[in-house]
Amino acid sequence: MGGKFTKDNQPSVRKGRGKAKINLIKEAMKRGERTEEEFYDLLVDRAFSRDDPNAFMEVLKRLYPIDKSTMPMVEFSFSPSSKPHEQAAQVMAAVADGSIPADIAQVFVSSISSMMKIEEITDISHRLDEIEKALSLKHG
């Protein structure tokens, strides 16, 4: 069976991440005989209290979270069917002519590199499977 996971080859001890924070809070509220509604009432009361000026912003951030920054959309000449080194050259040419900023180019080149690594691992795995078949080591 080796190191491959199947329905019959699973770790004997599974280590989970534990309960989600929300579940821990809900359990604590039940132990204290408190309800979610009471929690929200308290939260809103604190948000409108002048004693804690930050409480309002905390409630507001949870109701309307600040959008995460994203990279801008860019357009440049890129051929997905080209060889990886040619794709990287296309990206560098786009930086040189001002079509895309260098930080976005780095994301593209990193992605190309990751794709090459995935392809390499896939190819090695396929070759190993073929060798095992040829040597009759594979049982199934």
Protein backbone atom coordinates (compact mmCIF):
# COMPACT_ATOMS: atom_id res chain seq x y z
CA MET A 1 0.00 0.00 0.00
CA GLY A 2 2.89 2.36 0.63
CA GLY A 3 2.26 5.97 1.49
CA LYS A 4 -0.96 6.37 -0.47
CA PHE A 5 -4.17 7.08 1.39
CA THR A 6 -7.15 4.97 0.44
CA LYS A 7 -10.40 4.11 2.21
CA ASP A 8 -8.55 1.21 3.87
CA ASN A 9 -5.29 3.05 4.57
CA GLN A 10 -6.06 5.99 6.87
CA PRO A 11 -4.21 7.46 9.84
CA SER A 12 -5.16 5.72 13.08
CA VAL A 13 -5.25 8.95 15.08
CA ARG A 14 -6.76 11.97 13.41
CA LYS A 15 -5.76 15.28 14.83
CA GLY A 16 -8.45 17.86 14.30
CA ARG A 17 -8.26 21.57 14.69
CA GLY A 18 -10.70 21.52 17.56
CA LYS A 19 -14.00 23.28 17.81
CA ALA A 20 -14.65 26.52 16.01
CA LYS A 21 -14.56 29.62 18.20
CA ILE A 22 -18.27 30.25 17.62
CA ASN A 23 -19.12 26.80 18.99
CA LEU A 24 -16.93 27.36 22.05
CA ILE A 25 -18.69 30.67 22.69
CA LYS A 26 -22.14 29.14 22.26
CA GLU A 27 -21.28 26.34 24.70
CA ALA A 28 -20.02 28.87 27.25
CA MET A 29 -23.23 30.87 26.86
CA LYS A 30 -25.31 27.76 27.47
CA ARG A 31 -23.32 26.97 30.61
CA GLY A 32 -23.96 30.51 31.83
CA GLU A 33 -27.62 30.23 30.83
CA ARG A 34 -27.25 33.11 28.38
CA THR A 35 -28.72 33.36 24.89
CA GLU A 36 -27.30 34.64 21.63
CA GLU A 37 -29.97 37.35 21.69
CA GLU A 38 -28.66 38.57 25.06
CA PHE A 39 -25.16 38.64 23.63
CA TYR A 40 -26.25 40.74 20.65
CA ASP A 41 -28.26 43.06 22.90
CA LEU A 42 -25.16 43.62 25.04
CA LEU A 43 -23.02 44.18 21.95
CA VAL A 44 -25.39 46.81 20.56
CA ASP A 45 -25.72 48.51 23.97
CA ARG A 46 -21.93 48.76 24.20
CA ALA A 47 -21.72 50.07 20.63
CA PHE A 48 -23.95 53.01 21.51
CA SER A 49 -22.36 53.64 24.88
CA ARG A 50 -20.20 56.73 25.15
CA ASP A 51 -18.05 54.90 27.71
CA ASP A 52 -16.33 52.85 25.03
CA PRO A 53 -15.80 54.84 21.81
CA ASN A 54 -14.12 51.90 20.04
CA ALA A 55 -17.08 49.56 20.57
CA PHE A 56 -19.15 51.19 17.83
CA MET A 57 -16.35 50.72 15.29
CA GLU A 58 -15.92 47.10 16.35
CA VAL A 59 -19.61 46.39 15.73
CA LEU A 60 -19.53 48.31 12.47
CA LYS A 61 -16.47 46.34 11.24
CA ARG A 62 -18.28 43.08 11.89
CA LEU A 63 -21.46 44.16 10.15
CA TYR A 64 -19.66 45.77 7.21
CA PRO A 65 -16.13 44.38 6.98
CA ILE A 66 -13.56 46.44 5.14
CA ASP A 67 -12.95 44.99 1.69
CA LYS A 68 -9.62 43.25 1.31
CA SER A 69 -7.34 44.86 -1.22
CA THR A 70 -7.01 43.03 -4.50
CA MET A 71 -4.61 43.39 -7.35
CA PRO A 72 -5.86 45.40 -10.29
CA MET A 73 -6.89 43.70 -13.49
CA VAL A 74 -4.15 43.80 -16.11
CA GLU A 75 -4.05 43.04 -19.80
CA PHE A 76 -0.95 42.12 -21.74
CA SER A 77 0.11 39.73 -24.47
CA PHE A 78 0.31 36.26 -22.93
CA SER A 79 0.16 32.85 -24.57
CA PRO A 80 -1.03 30.08 -22.19
CA SER A 81 0.15 27.43 -24.65
CA SER A 82 3.76 28.68 -24.70
CA LYS A 83 6.56 26.97 -22.83
CA PRO A 84 7.04 28.23 -19.26
CA HIS A 85 10.28 30.11 -20.01
CA GLU A 86 8.52 31.83 -22.92
CA GLN A 87 5.61 32.77 -20.66
CA ALA A 88 8.04 34.25 -18.12
CA ALA A 89 9.66 36.23 -20.94
CA GLN A 90 6.21 37.52 -21.96
CA VAL A 91 5.62 38.67 -18.40
CA MET A 92 9.00 40.41 -18.23
CA ALA A 93 8.34 42.11 -21.57
CA ALA A 94 5.03 43.38 -20.18
CA VAL A 95 6.89 44.86 -17.20
CA ALA A 96 9.49 46.43 -19.49
CA ASP A 97 6.87 48.12 -21.67
CA GLY A 98 4.85 49.32 -18.67
CA SER A 99 1.80 47.10 -19.24
CA ILE A 100 1.99 45.56 -15.76
CA PRO A 101 3.73 46.50 -12.51
CA ALA A 102 6.62 44.42 -11.20
CA ASP A 103 4.70 43.08 -8.16
CA ILE A 104 2.00 41.63 -10.40
CA ALA A 105 4.68 40.18 -12.68
CA GLN A 106 6.15 38.43 -9.65
CA VAL A 107 2.75 36.80 -8.99
CA PHE A 108 2.59 35.60 -12.61
CA VAL A 109 6.13 34.20 -12.58
CA SER A 110 5.47 32.50 -9.23
CA SER A 111 2.33 30.95 -10.66
CA ILE A 112 4.23 29.69 -13.70
CA SER A 113 6.86 28.18 -11.39
CA SER A 114 4.17 26.50 -9.25
CA MET A 115 2.53 25.06 -12.34
CA MET A 116 5.89 23.65 -13.44
CA LYS A 117 6.38 22.02 -10.02
CA ILE A 118 2.89 20.48 -10.16
CA GLU A 119 3.59 19.16 -13.65
CA GLU A 120 6.95 17.76 -12.51
CA ILE A 121 5.42 15.95 -9.51
CA THR A 122 2.57 14.62 -11.65
CA ASP A 123 5.05 13.33 -14.21
CA ILE A 124 7.23 11.67 -11.55
CA SER A 125 4.18 10.04 -9.97
CA HIS A 126 3.05 8.73 -13.36
CA ARG A 127 6.52 7.37 -14.13
CA LEU A 128 6.69 5.68 -10.71
CA ASP A 129 3.31 4.04 -11.32
CA GLU A 130 4.56 2.75 -14.67
CA ILE A 131 7.74 1.37 -13.10
CA GLU A 132 5.73 -0.37 -10.36
CA LYS A 133 3.44 -1.90 -12.97
CA ALA A 134 6.43 -3.06 -15.00
CA LEU A 135 7.98 -4.67 -11.93
CA SER A 136 4.64 -6.19 -10.91
CA LEU A 137 4.81 -4.52 -7.51
CA LYS A 138 1.42 -2.94 -7.78
CA HIS A 139 -1.45 -5.00 -6.29
CA GLY A 140 -4.63 -3.45 -7.59
